[in-house]
Amino acid sequence: MKRSIVAFYKVSSCLIGIMIITGAVPLWAAPDFYSAGDTAALAGEIVAAMDDEELLGQIFMLGYFGRSPSPEILHWIRDKKIGGVKIFGWNAENLSELGRSIGRMQSEAGRTRLKIPLFIATDQEGGWVRHVKGDTSITPGNIAVGASGTPYDAYHTGKYIGDELSLIGINMNFAPTVDVYTNKEAHVIGPRSFSEDPLQTANLALAYYRGMQKSGIICTAKHFPGHGNAAEDSHGTLPKIFTDFETLWNRDLLPYRFLIKNDLPAIMSAHLAFPNIIDETIPASLSSFFLREVLREKLGFEGIVITDDMRMNGVLHNGNGISESCLMAIEAGNDMIMISHDHLMHQKVWDLLYRKMQEDGEFRRLLRQSVLRILRVKLDYLRQENSVPLEPDISAIEEGIPSSEGRSFFFSQACRSVSLIQSERIPFDSDGTGVLLVSQLPAFLQAGREFFPKADSFYYPYTPFYHAEDRYIQELLKKAETYSTILFCLANPNSAEVLEALRASEKECIVLSVLTPVYLRDIPGITTALAVYGTGRDSFLAGFAALRGEIPAEGTVPIRMFQE
């Protein structure tokens, strides 16, 4: 049964006043005279009534292992009164079970003294990054939105993803990714970006945000101040981006400038170094220059700043431990720290921050400011007509995901985004005789056989990502000898090496590029190629339909670097 959050607000102003005067606490409720514009005042009242543990708890966003909430995460919700829980892929194998888990966690939060609901967050960007799987929509992704180029597509992408998250009970999404795709080596971002053009990125990100906002979802733009020019992955190391501030302001920060002017509620800080702007050993996520001087003062951001996962090597690169880095993150200007797992580590972080809170009045003041911002966002988003339910309706999850409207939209969007790169053999009219389908992705092979039923197929692993294994190249070259045409799926640096080996054998190769098409740049002699951007069935069906000439390839590759 759904429980309306409005019920939390039916407490009279007289009762609130008595509770504050007597030293009791105000409930997570607003008296009727509080309008939408009074959230700051109500947040202040709640903060004034908090004890130290309640105050500190709100800045924690923690993960847990398993499909059901672990005893440890329930303890942190009930006894530490944490502010949020992050849902990862390992929590989301079954949508109905996930909905029940979220309802249980919100119920635990509702039993605490202040009854403050949790942020329930995930990464459901669309396309490549989809932490909540099951029957959720497999979308073409941000770069496909950039290829079709319309705010309509961006808005409805955010809206349909948001609708699904809302049914499950997830009220915060770490999206949109607003990184401007300017480095062809930025493999970890690549298709997660809308475009190489900062203005197009800004416009599409704004439309995506509005669509998700319509569904009641709290959007968190990332990765501030910009990951699109990083050649390395901050999960494994601290990327160094040699960009000057003027370029950063006019390019990477432009989407944030658009979104902040339109009341964006949250931003994720990234573990990235900018040696031409600040000390090269300090990630932006630990930099008061980026988080206070740039984000708060120069950009005027009033929402909440959440760190990227504090277990990532990018933030630990300078030799500090997780606890010390979390302390530095709050001192630098983050409002919430996200720590994916390990409750022993969570306790170590808590102990250090609690001790600092008792000893340092300035640190306590920073915490109060952060919690005020956190509560304002919760009050703004969790008490509306379209607010995400605290207790998801399991039957609605089973009946509503995926929606028929969403499925129709994402297929049409995949068709609109197909981009022509080289056209010599289009339309390719064949029943598949003499054709070999080659891919690391089974969905490509399945869709290909629907269009070319007499074709044969060759599958090899997607990993390792960055290079091909010689045994698969040799096996493919031997098999390809008896075929006249290779229909090849180009997906990553591994498959780019395989394609180069095929080209050297002088086989005719027709390429369907997925995710980012930048790998085609350095492979000469490809005379027929199309770009699609998602890795789901819809994207492959759209690509093969364009190859057969059944639909036009009207998308535009949204990265100029491809043509350089």
Protein backbone atom coordinates (compact mmCIF):
# COMPACT_ATOMS: atom_id res chain seq x y z
CA MET A 1 0.00 0.00 0.00
CA LYS A 2 1.34 3.46 -0.89
CA ARG A 3 1.83 5.84 2.02
CA SER A 4 1.51 9.47 1.07
CA ILE A 5 4.26 11.64 2.46
CA VAL A 6 1.66 14.39 2.91
CA ALA A 7 0.62 12.56 6.09
CA PHE A 8 3.89 13.67 7.68
CA TYR A 9 2.78 17.27 7.44
CA LYS A 10 -0.59 17.17 9.24
CA VAL A 11 0.71 18.50 12.56
CA SER A 12 -0.69 21.75 13.91
CA SER A 13 1.49 24.82 14.35
CA CYS A 14 0.57 24.87 18.03
CA LEU A 15 1.91 21.36 18.55
CA ILE A 16 5.15 22.22 16.74
CA GLY A 17 5.63 25.24 18.97
CA ILE A 18 4.99 23.25 22.16
CA MET A 19 7.42 20.53 21.08
CA ILE A 20 10.21 23.02 20.40
CA ILE A 21 9.65 24.90 23.65
CA THR A 22 9.61 21.75 25.75
CA GLY A 23 12.74 20.41 24.12
CA ALA A 24 10.91 17.69 22.20
CA VAL A 25 11.38 17.44 18.48
CA PRO A 26 9.32 18.59 15.50
CA LEU A 27 8.12 15.65 13.46
CA TRP A 28 9.09 15.34 9.80
CA ALA A 29 5.94 17.33 9.17
CA ALA A 30 4.92 20.77 8.11
CA PRO A 31 1.92 22.60 9.53
CA ASP A 32 -0.62 23.77 7.01
CA PHE A 33 0.65 27.35 7.03
CA TYR A 34 3.99 26.26 5.54
CA SER A 35 3.95 26.88 1.81
CA ALA A 36 6.47 25.57 -0.71
CA GLY A 37 8.49 28.72 -0.16
CA ASP A 38 8.89 28.10 3.58
CA THR A 39 11.09 25.03 3.40
CA ALA A 40 14.15 26.93 4.62
CA ALA A 41 12.32 27.96 7.80
CA LEU A 42 11.07 24.44 8.46
CA ALA A 43 14.52 22.97 7.74
CA GLY A 44 15.96 25.40 10.28
CA GLU A 45 13.47 24.29 12.93
CA ILE A 46 14.31 20.64 12.37
CA VAL A 47 18.07 21.28 12.49
CA ALA A 48 17.65 23.27 15.72
CA ALA A 49 16.00 20.24 17.32
CA MET A 50 18.64 17.72 16.23
CA ASP A 51 21.10 16.06 18.54
CA ASP A 52 24.66 15.48 17.37
CA GLU A 53 24.09 11.99 15.98
CA GLU A 54 21.00 13.06 14.05
CA LEU A 55 22.93 15.97 12.58
CA LEU A 56 25.92 13.89 11.58
CA GLY A 57 23.83 11.02 10.23
CA GLN A 58 22.21 13.14 7.53
CA ILE A 59 25.49 13.63 5.64
CA PHE A 60 26.02 9.88 5.14
CA MET A 61 24.89 8.07 1.98
CA LEU A 62 25.82 4.41 2.30
CA GLY A 63 25.59 1.23 0.25
CA TYR A 64 24.98 -2.35 1.30
CA PHE A 65 25.52 -5.82 -0.14
CA GLY A 66 22.76 -8.21 -1.09
CA ARG A 67 19.29 -8.15 -2.59
CA SER A 68 17.68 -7.40 0.78
CA PRO A 69 18.76 -4.71 3.27
CA SER A 70 21.52 -6.07 5.45
CA PRO A 71 21.23 -5.92 9.25
CA GLU A 72 24.08 -3.42 9.14
CA ILE A 73 22.34 -0.93 6.84
CA LEU A 74 19.15 -1.20 8.89
CA HIS A 75 21.24 -0.42 11.98
CA TRP A 76 22.70 2.66 10.30
CA ILE A 77 19.23 3.86 9.28
CA ARG A 78 17.64 3.21 12.67
CA ASP A 79 20.45 4.13 15.06
CA LYS A 80 22.63 6.55 13.10
CA LYS A 81 19.74 8.23 11.24
CA ILE A 82 21.68 8.40 7.97
CA GLY A 83 20.50 10.67 5.19
CA GLY A 84 20.56 8.30 2.24
CA VAL A 85 21.13 4.84 0.78
CA LYS A 86 22.79 4.16 -2.58
CA ILE A 87 21.35 1.33 -4.68
CA PHE A 88 23.95 -0.55 -6.73
CA GLY A 89 23.49 -3.24 -9.36
CA TRP A 90 24.05 -6.00 -6.80
CA ASN A 91 20.97 -4.74 -4.89
CA ALA A 92 18.71 -4.63 -7.92
CA GLU A 93 18.41 -8.07 -9.48
CA ASN A 94 14.67 -8.25 -8.83
CA LEU A 95 12.52 -5.11 -9.06
CA SER A 96 9.72 -6.28 -6.79
CA GLU A 97 12.19 -7.33 -4.13
CA LEU A 98 13.99 -4.02 -4.50
CA GLY A 99 10.70 -2.15 -4.03
CA ARG A 100 9.99 -4.10 -0.86
CA SER A 101 13.54 -3.43 0.36
CA ILE A 102 13.18 0.29 -0.19
CA GLY A 103 9.83 0.29 1.62
CA ARG A 104 11.44 -1.48 4.56
CA MET A 105 14.32 0.99 4.73
CA GLN A 106 11.99 3.99 4.54
CA SER A 107 9.84 2.39 7.24
CA GLU A 108 12.89 2.13 9.50
CA ALA A 109 13.63 5.82 8.87
CA GLY A 110 10.01 6.60 9.73
CA ARG A 111 10.43 5.01 13.16
CA THR A 112 13.26 7.33 14.15
CA ARG A 113 12.69 10.35 16.36
CA LEU A 114 12.57 12.87 13.52
CA LYS A 115 11.00 10.56 10.93
CA ILE A 116 13.10 12.05 8.12
CA PRO A 117 12.81 10.00 4.89
CA LEU A 118 15.90 8.72 3.15
CA PHE A 119 17.35 9.75 -0.14
CA ILE A 120 17.25 6.49 -2.11
CA ALA A 121 19.75 7.05 -4.92
CA THR A 122 21.10 5.12 -7.90
CA ASP A 123 22.89 5.56 -11.24
CA GLN A 124 20.24 5.17 -13.94
CA GLU A 125 21.65 7.43 -16.63
CA GLY A 126 20.26 5.46 -19.55
CA GLY A 127 22.34 3.70 -22.16
CA TRP A 128 25.61 2.29 -20.88
CA VAL A 129 25.00 2.98 -17.17
CA ARG A 130 21.90 1.25 -15.79
CA HIS A 131 22.38 0.01 -12.23
CA VAL A 132 18.74 -1.01 -11.80
CA LYS A 133 18.18 -3.68 -14.43
CA GLY A 134 15.43 -6.30 -14.43
CA ASP A 135 12.67 -5.07 -16.76
CA THR A 136 13.70 -1.41 -16.68
CA SER A 137 14.05 0.28 -20.04
CA ILE A 138 17.21 -0.32 -22.06
CA THR A 139 17.65 3.08 -23.65
CA PRO A 140 19.92 4.28 -26.48
CA GLY A 141 21.73 6.60 -24.04
CA ASN A 142 22.84 10.22 -23.84
CA ILE A 143 25.02 10.20 -26.94
CA ALA A 144 22.06 8.92 -28.95
CA VAL A 145 20.05 11.86 -27.65
CA GLY A 146 22.90 14.06 -28.86
CA ALA A 147 22.75 12.38 -32.28
CA SER A 148 19.03 13.00 -32.70
CA GLY A 149 19.69 16.44 -31.25
CA THR A 150 16.26 17.30 -29.88
CA PRO A 151 15.28 18.47 -26.39
CA TYR A 152 12.11 16.41 -26.95
CA ASP A 153 14.17 13.22 -26.88
CA ALA A 154 16.16 14.39 -23.84
CA TYR A 155 13.02 15.34 -21.91
CA HIS A 156 11.21 12.08 -22.55
CA THR A 157 14.32 10.03 -21.82
CA GLY A 158 14.47 11.63 -18.38
CA LYS A 159 10.71 11.33 -17.92
CA TYR A 160 10.41 7.62 -18.72
CA ILE A 161 13.50 6.65 -16.72
CA GLY A 162 12.17 8.78 -13.87
CA ASP A 163 8.73 7.14 -14.01
CA GLU A 164 10.32 3.71 -13.56
CA LEU A 165 12.51 4.85 -10.67
CA SER A 166 9.51 6.42 -8.96
CA LEU A 167 7.50 3.20 -9.09
CA ILE A 168 10.40 1.35 -7.44
CA GLY A 169 10.77 4.00 -4.71
CA ILE A 170 14.06 5.52 -5.88
CA ASN A 171 13.82 9.28 -5.37
CA MET A 172 17.31 10.45 -6.41
CA ASN A 173 19.21 9.73 -9.61
CA PHE A 174 22.88 10.42 -10.20
CA ALA A 175 22.09 11.86 -13.61
CA PRO A 176 22.28 13.59 -15.98
CA THR A 177 25.91 13.14 -16.93
CA VAL A 178 26.81 16.59 -18.24
CA ASP A 179 30.47 15.96 -19.07
CA VAL A 180 31.43 17.56 -22.39
CA TYR A 181 33.00 14.83 -24.57
CA THR A 182 36.22 16.44 -25.78
CA ASN A 183 38.82 13.67 -25.43
CA LYS A 184 38.55 10.57 -27.58
CA GLU A 185 40.47 8.70 -24.87
CA ALA A 186 37.75 9.46 -22.31
CA HIS A 187 36.54 5.87 -22.46
CA VAL A 188 34.84 5.90 -19.07
CA ILE A 189 32.60 8.80 -20.16
CA GLY A 190 32.26 8.41 -23.95
CA PRO A 191 28.63 7.49 -24.72
CA ARG A 192 27.46 8.76 -21.34
CA SER A 193 27.95 12.29 -22.67
CA PHE A 194 25.40 14.12 -24.80
CA SER A 195 27.88 15.88 -27.06
CA GLU A 196 31.24 17.47 -27.66
CA ASP A 197 29.46 20.80 -27.93
CA PRO A 198 28.97 22.49 -24.53
CA LEU A 199 25.87 24.42 -25.60
CA GLN A 200 24.17 21.33 -27.00
CA THR A 201 25.15 19.43 -23.85
CA ALA A 202 23.66 22.18 -21.69
CA ASN A 203 20.36 22.32 -23.60
CA LEU A 204 19.87 18.55 -23.66
CA ALA A 205 20.88 18.16 -20.01
CA LEU A 206 18.35 20.81 -19.03
CA ALA A 207 15.57 19.03 -20.93
CA TYR A 208 16.55 15.67 -19.39
CA TYR A 209 16.49 17.25 -15.93
CA ARG A 210 13.03 18.72 -16.55
CA GLY A 211 11.71 15.34 -17.66
CA MET A 212 13.06 13.59 -14.59
CA GLN A 213 11.83 16.39 -12.36
CA LYS A 214 8.34 15.86 -13.79
CA SER A 215 8.54 12.31 -12.42
CA GLY A 216 9.45 13.62 -8.95
CA ILE A 217 13.10 12.52 -9.13
CA ILE A 218 15.93 14.52 -7.55
CA CYS A 219 18.53 14.97 -10.32
CA THR A 220 22.23 15.02 -9.48
CA ALA A 221 24.34 16.44 -12.31
CA LYS A 222 27.84 14.95 -12.64
CA HIS A 223 30.85 14.83 -12.71
CA PHE A 224 31.70 18.32 -11.44
CA PRO A 225 33.65 20.19 -12.69
CA GLY A 226 33.91 17.98 -15.82
CA HIS A 227 35.18 14.49 -16.68
CA GLY A 228 34.94 14.70 -20.49
CA ASN A 229 38.58 15.56 -21.09
CA ALA A 230 40.01 12.84 -18.81
CA ALA A 231 41.94 10.02 -20.45
CA GLU A 232 41.89 7.95 -17.25
CA ASP A 233 39.25 6.46 -14.97
CA SER A 234 38.91 7.95 -11.48
CA HIS A 235 37.82 4.55 -10.15
CA GLY A 236 41.41 3.38 -10.54
CA THR A 237 43.56 6.50 -10.36
CA LEU A 238 43.46 10.29 -10.11
CA PRO A 239 43.05 11.60 -13.67
CA LYS A 240 44.93 14.78 -14.47
CA ILE A 241 43.14 17.19 -16.80
CA PHE A 242 45.38 19.91 -18.22
CA THR A 243 42.66 22.47 -18.82
CA ASP A 244 42.97 26.15 -17.89
CA PHE A 245 40.18 27.84 -15.97
CA GLU A 246 38.94 29.98 -18.86
CA THR A 247 38.42 26.88 -21.00
CA LEU A 248 36.80 25.06 -18.11
CA TRP A 249 34.42 27.98 -17.51
CA ASN A 250 33.35 28.35 -21.13
CA ARG A 251 33.16 24.63 -21.92
CA ASP A 252 32.85 22.16 -19.05
CA LEU A 253 31.00 24.44 -16.65
CA LEU A 254 28.48 25.73 -19.18
CA PRO A 255 25.96 22.90 -18.55
CA TYR A 256 26.17 23.55 -14.80
CA ARG A 257 25.55 27.25 -15.39
CA PHE A 258 22.34 26.39 -17.28
CA LEU A 259 21.14 23.85 -14.73
CA ILE A 260 21.91 25.95 -11.66
CA LYS A 261 19.89 28.84 -13.05
CA ASN A 262 17.00 26.39 -13.29
CA ASP A 263 17.17 25.28 -9.63
CA LEU A 264 19.13 22.05 -10.00
CA PRO A 265 18.88 20.34 -6.58
CA ALA A 266 22.14 18.35 -6.46
CA ILE A 267 25.61 17.99 -7.99
CA MET A 268 28.18 15.20 -7.67
CA SER A 269 31.80 16.22 -7.11
CA ALA A 270 34.41 14.26 -9.06
CA HIS A 271 37.79 12.83 -8.14
CA LEU A 272 39.73 14.72 -10.83
CA ALA A 273 42.92 16.81 -10.68
CA PHE A 274 43.41 20.07 -12.60
CA PRO A 275 47.14 20.85 -12.41
CA ASN A 276 46.82 24.07 -14.43
CA ILE A 277 44.27 25.43 -11.93
CA ILE A 278 45.08 23.96 -8.50
CA ASP A 279 47.69 21.64 -6.96
CA GLU A 280 47.85 18.49 -9.11
CA THR A 281 47.56 16.16 -6.12
CA ILE A 282 44.22 17.57 -4.94
CA PRO A 283 41.07 16.18 -6.57
CA ALA A 284 38.26 18.66 -7.21
CA SER A 285 36.14 16.67 -4.75
CA LEU A 286 38.49 17.80 -1.95
CA SER A 287 39.04 21.34 -3.23
CA SER A 288 37.46 24.34 -1.51
CA PHE A 289 38.41 26.37 -4.57
CA PHE A 290 36.14 24.31 -6.82
CA LEU A 291 33.38 23.62 -4.31
CA ARG A 292 33.19 26.95 -2.49
CA GLU A 293 34.76 29.62 -4.67
CA VAL A 294 33.58 28.29 -8.03
CA LEU A 295 30.43 26.29 -7.32
CA ARG A 296 28.92 28.26 -4.43
CA GLU A 297 30.23 31.78 -4.98
CA LYS A 298 30.82 32.10 -8.71
CA LEU A 299 28.02 29.82 -9.95
CA GLY A 300 25.62 30.56 -7.11
CA PHE A 301 24.67 26.94 -6.44
CA GLU A 302 22.42 26.51 -3.38
CA GLY A 303 21.64 22.79 -3.63
CA ILE A 304 23.53 19.84 -2.17
CA VAL A 305 26.94 18.55 -3.21
CA ILE A 306 27.47 14.79 -2.96
CA THR A 307 30.84 13.13 -3.39
CA ASP A 308 31.46 10.38 -5.89
CA ASP A 309 32.18 7.12 -4.09
CA MET A 310 34.82 7.71 -1.43
CA ARG A 311 36.21 4.21 -1.98
CA MET A 312 37.47 5.17 -5.45
CA ASN A 313 41.22 5.37 -5.91
CA GLY A 314 40.95 8.83 -7.44
CA VAL A 315 40.23 10.39 -4.04
CA LEU A 316 42.75 8.21 -2.21
CA HIS A 317 45.60 8.96 -4.60
CA ASN A 318 47.37 11.32 -2.20
CA GLY A 319 47.86 8.60 0.41
CA ASN A 320 45.10 9.64 2.80
CA GLY A 321 42.79 6.95 4.08
CA ILE A 322 39.05 6.92 3.49
CA SER A 323 38.24 8.45 6.89
CA GLU A 324 40.65 11.35 6.45
CA SER A 325 39.45 11.92 2.88
CA CYS A 326 35.83 12.04 4.06
CA LEU A 327 36.77 14.69 6.63
CA MET A 328 38.57 16.69 3.95
CA ALA A 329 35.54 16.34 1.66
CA ILE A 330 33.18 17.94 4.17
CA GLU A 331 35.69 20.68 5.02
CA ALA A 332 36.13 21.41 1.31
CA GLY A 333 32.40 21.96 0.75
CA ASN A 334 30.64 18.66 0.10
CA ASP A 335 27.34 18.18 1.93
CA MET A 336 27.10 14.38 1.71
CA ILE A 337 29.69 11.64 1.50
CA MET A 338 28.90 8.51 -0.46
CA ILE A 339 30.63 5.29 0.66
CA SER A 340 29.62 2.22 -1.30
CA HIS A 341 30.25 -0.60 1.15
CA ASP A 342 32.08 -1.98 4.21
CA HIS A 343 30.31 -1.10 7.44
CA LEU A 344 33.53 -1.35 9.42
CA MET A 345 34.86 1.47 7.27
CA HIS A 346 31.59 3.38 7.70
CA GLN A 347 32.10 3.24 11.47
CA LYS A 348 35.69 4.49 11.21
CA VAL A 349 34.51 7.47 9.17
CA TRP A 350 31.71 8.14 11.65
CA ASP A 351 34.07 8.03 14.63
CA LEU A 352 36.48 10.51 13.08
CA LEU A 353 33.76 12.96 11.99
CA TYR A 354 31.93 12.72 15.33
CA ARG A 355 35.14 13.44 17.22
CA LYS A 356 35.88 16.40 14.93
CA MET A 357 32.36 17.67 15.50
CA GLN A 358 32.90 17.68 19.29
CA GLU A 359 36.25 19.43 19.09
CA ASP A 360 35.81 21.97 16.29
CA GLY A 361 33.05 24.56 16.31
CA GLU A 362 33.72 25.54 12.70
CA PHE A 363 33.27 21.93 11.56
CA ARG A 364 29.97 21.75 13.46
CA ARG A 365 28.87 24.93 11.68
CA LEU A 366 29.69 23.38 8.31
CA LEU A 367 27.65 20.29 9.20
CA ARG A 368 24.66 22.42 10.16
CA GLN A 369 24.84 24.29 6.84
CA SER A 370 25.02 20.99 4.95
CA VAL A 371 22.09 19.47 6.80
CA LEU A 372 20.01 22.60 6.18
CA ARG A 373 20.61 22.16 2.44
CA ILE A 374 19.86 18.42 2.62
CA LEU A 375 16.58 19.00 4.44
CA ARG A 376 15.54 21.78 2.06
CA VAL A 377 15.89 19.39 -0.88
CA LYS A 378 13.99 16.66 0.96
CA LEU A 379 11.22 19.10 1.87
CA ASP A 380 11.06 20.46 -1.69
CA TYR A 381 10.91 17.06 -3.40
CA LEU A 382 9.37 14.63 -0.93
CA ARG A 383 6.10 16.42 -0.19
CA GLN A 384 4.70 17.10 -3.64
CA GLU A 385 1.78 15.57 -5.51
CA ASN A 386 4.21 13.64 -7.70
CA SER A 387 6.62 12.68 -4.91
CA VAL A 388 8.17 9.24 -5.06
CA PRO A 389 6.29 6.91 -2.66
CA LEU A 390 8.04 5.89 0.52
CA GLU A 391 6.42 2.46 0.36
CA PRO A 392 6.32 1.33 -3.29
CA ASP A 393 3.26 -0.45 -4.63
CA ILE A 394 4.67 -3.83 -5.72
CA SER A 395 1.79 -4.53 -8.11
CA ALA A 396 2.45 -1.16 -9.80
CA ILE A 397 6.10 -2.14 -10.29
CA GLU A 398 5.13 -5.43 -11.89
CA GLU A 399 2.49 -3.86 -14.13
CA GLY A 400 4.20 -0.59 -14.99
CA ILE A 401 7.82 -1.50 -15.81
CA PRO A 402 8.55 -1.10 -18.62
CA SER A 403 5.67 1.07 -19.76
CA SER A 404 4.33 0.53 -23.26
CA GLU A 405 4.73 4.26 -23.95
CA GLY A 406 8.35 4.14 -22.85
CA ARG A 407 9.14 1.11 -25.00
CA SER A 408 7.64 2.78 -28.06
CA PHE A 409 9.48 6.04 -27.39
CA PHE A 410 12.91 4.47 -26.88
CA PHE A 411 12.64 2.44 -30.08
CA SER A 412 11.65 5.50 -32.11
CA GLN A 413 14.47 7.46 -30.46
CA ALA A 414 16.96 4.74 -31.40
CA CYS A 415 15.76 5.03 -35.01
CA ARG A 416 16.08 8.83 -35.01
CA SER A 417 19.65 8.65 -33.75
CA VAL A 418 21.15 6.25 -36.35
CA SER A 419 23.98 8.16 -38.03
CA LEU A 420 25.48 7.56 -41.48
CA ILE A 421 29.28 7.51 -41.57
CA GLN A 422 30.13 5.78 -44.89
CA SER A 423 27.43 4.78 -47.41
CA GLU A 424 28.97 2.67 -50.23
CA ARG A 425 26.89 -0.50 -49.65
CA ILE A 426 23.70 1.10 -48.31
CA PRO A 427 21.13 -0.26 -48.87
CA PHE A 428 22.71 -3.65 -48.25
CA ASP A 429 20.26 -6.04 -49.88
CA SER A 430 21.09 -9.60 -48.81
CA ASP A 431 19.48 -12.61 -47.20
CA GLY A 432 22.74 -13.27 -45.37
CA THR A 433 24.28 -15.77 -47.78
CA GLY A 434 28.06 -15.44 -47.48
CA VAL A 435 27.70 -13.04 -44.56
CA LEU A 436 29.38 -13.44 -41.16
CA LEU A 437 28.05 -11.45 -38.20
CA VAL A 438 30.85 -10.65 -35.71
CA SER A 439 30.23 -9.16 -32.28
CA GLN A 440 31.07 -9.13 -28.59
CA LEU A 441 27.38 -8.43 -27.87
CA PRO A 442 24.83 -11.26 -28.28
CA ALA A 443 22.00 -8.79 -28.96
CA PHE A 444 23.79 -7.70 -32.17
CA LEU A 445 23.97 -11.29 -33.40
CA GLN A 446 20.33 -11.97 -32.56
CA ALA A 447 19.06 -8.83 -34.29
CA GLY A 448 21.36 -9.42 -37.27
CA ARG A 449 19.92 -12.87 -37.90
CA GLU A 450 16.42 -11.38 -38.04
CA PHE A 451 17.48 -9.20 -40.97
CA PHE A 452 19.93 -11.65 -42.54
CA PRO A 453 18.55 -15.12 -41.70
CA LYS A 454 21.16 -17.06 -43.69
CA ALA A 455 24.11 -15.31 -42.05
CA ASP A 456 26.51 -17.14 -39.76
CA SER A 457 27.86 -15.60 -36.55
CA PHE A 458 31.02 -15.32 -34.48
CA TYR A 459 31.00 -14.23 -30.83
CA TYR A 460 34.01 -13.26 -28.72
CA PRO A 461 34.22 -11.65 -25.22
CA TYR A 462 33.77 -7.94 -24.55
CA THR A 463 36.64 -8.05 -22.06
CA PRO A 464 39.44 -7.19 -21.80
CA PHE A 465 38.17 -3.73 -22.73
CA TYR A 466 41.39 -2.12 -23.93
CA HIS A 467 43.00 -4.83 -26.05
CA ALA A 468 42.15 -7.94 -28.02
CA GLU A 469 43.35 -11.46 -27.30
CA ASP A 470 45.28 -12.99 -30.18
CA ARG A 471 43.54 -16.37 -29.89
CA TYR A 472 40.18 -14.82 -30.79
CA ILE A 473 41.70 -12.86 -33.68
CA GLN A 474 43.25 -16.00 -35.13
CA GLU A 475 40.06 -18.00 -34.67
CA LEU A 476 38.03 -15.29 -36.41
CA LEU A 477 40.48 -14.88 -39.30
CA LYS A 478 40.31 -18.60 -39.97
CA LYS A 479 36.52 -18.66 -39.89
CA ALA A 480 36.18 -15.51 -42.02
CA GLU A 481 38.06 -17.10 -44.94
CA THR A 482 34.88 -18.68 -46.33
CA TYR A 483 32.69 -15.55 -46.19
CA SER A 484 32.44 -12.68 -48.64
CA THR A 485 31.18 -9.98 -46.25
CA ILE A 486 31.68 -9.32 -42.55
CA LEU A 487 28.99 -7.39 -40.66
CA PHE A 488 31.03 -6.16 -37.73
CA CYS A 489 29.98 -4.63 -34.40
CA LEU A 490 32.54 -2.07 -33.20
CA ALA A 491 32.13 -1.41 -29.48
CA ASN A 492 35.47 -0.77 -27.70
CA PRO A 493 39.26 -0.71 -28.19
CA ASN A 494 39.31 -4.52 -28.10
CA SER A 495 36.95 -4.80 -31.08
CA ALA A 496 38.83 -2.01 -32.87
CA GLU A 497 41.96 -4.21 -32.83
CA VAL A 498 39.95 -7.14 -34.16
CA LEU A 499 38.52 -4.98 -36.96
CA GLU A 500 41.99 -3.81 -37.95
CA ALA A 501 43.09 -7.44 -38.22
CA LEU A 502 40.13 -8.21 -40.47
CA ARG A 503 40.87 -5.19 -42.65
CA ALA A 504 44.44 -6.40 -43.07
CA SER A 505 43.02 -9.67 -44.44
CA GLU A 506 41.28 -7.58 -47.14
CA LYS A 507 37.83 -8.84 -46.23
CA GLU A 508 34.90 -6.53 -46.99
CA CYS A 509 33.77 -5.19 -43.61
CA ILE A 510 30.50 -3.35 -43.04
CA VAL A 511 30.57 -1.73 -39.62
CA LEU A 512 27.82 -1.01 -37.16
CA SER A 513 29.42 1.09 -34.43
CA VAL A 514 27.80 1.12 -30.98
CA LEU A 515 28.39 3.35 -27.95
CA THR A 516 30.97 5.86 -29.26
CA PRO A 517 32.14 5.81 -32.90
CA VAL A 518 35.54 7.40 -32.17
CA TYR A 519 37.32 4.09 -32.72
CA LEU A 520 36.53 4.27 -36.44
CA ARG A 521 38.73 7.34 -36.76
CA ASP A 522 41.93 5.37 -36.95
CA ILE A 523 40.75 2.41 -39.07
CA PRO A 524 41.20 3.18 -42.79
CA GLY A 525 39.37 1.56 -45.65
CA ILE A 526 35.90 1.21 -44.13
CA THR A 527 33.51 2.22 -46.91
CA THR A 528 30.19 1.28 -45.27
CA ALA A 529 29.52 2.24 -41.68
CA LEU A 530 26.65 3.35 -39.47
CA ALA A 531 26.66 4.52 -35.87
CA VAL A 532 24.09 3.49 -33.33
CA TYR A 533 24.70 4.26 -29.69
CA GLY A 534 22.91 1.85 -27.40
CA THR A 535 23.69 -1.81 -26.84
CA GLY A 536 20.10 -3.02 -26.57
CA ARG A 537 17.90 -4.78 -29.09
CA ASP A 538 16.16 -1.54 -30.18
CA SER A 539 19.43 0.10 -31.19
CA PHE A 540 20.57 -2.91 -33.22
CA LEU A 541 17.20 -3.28 -34.95
CA ALA A 542 17.34 0.41 -35.87
CA GLY A 543 20.89 0.07 -37.20
CA PHE A 544 20.15 -2.99 -39.34
CA ALA A 545 16.96 -1.36 -40.64
CA ALA A 546 19.02 1.64 -41.77
CA LEU A 547 21.61 -0.66 -43.33
CA ARG A 548 18.86 -2.35 -45.35
CA GLY A 549 17.52 1.05 -46.40
CA GLU A 550 14.23 0.55 -44.56
CA ILE A 551 14.64 3.72 -42.50
CA PRO A 552 16.78 6.81 -43.13
CA ALA A 553 19.94 7.35 -41.10
CA GLU A 554 19.21 10.94 -40.09
CA GLY A 555 21.19 11.26 -36.86
CA THR A 556 24.33 13.39 -36.61
CA VAL A 557 27.40 12.12 -34.79
CA PRO A 558 27.63 14.65 -31.93
CA ILE A 559 31.42 14.63 -31.70
CA ARG A 560 33.53 16.62 -34.15
CA MET A 561 36.69 14.80 -33.07
CA PHE A 562 35.51 11.93 -35.22
CA GLN A 563 36.16 14.00 -38.33
CA GLU A 564 39.56 15.38 -37.34
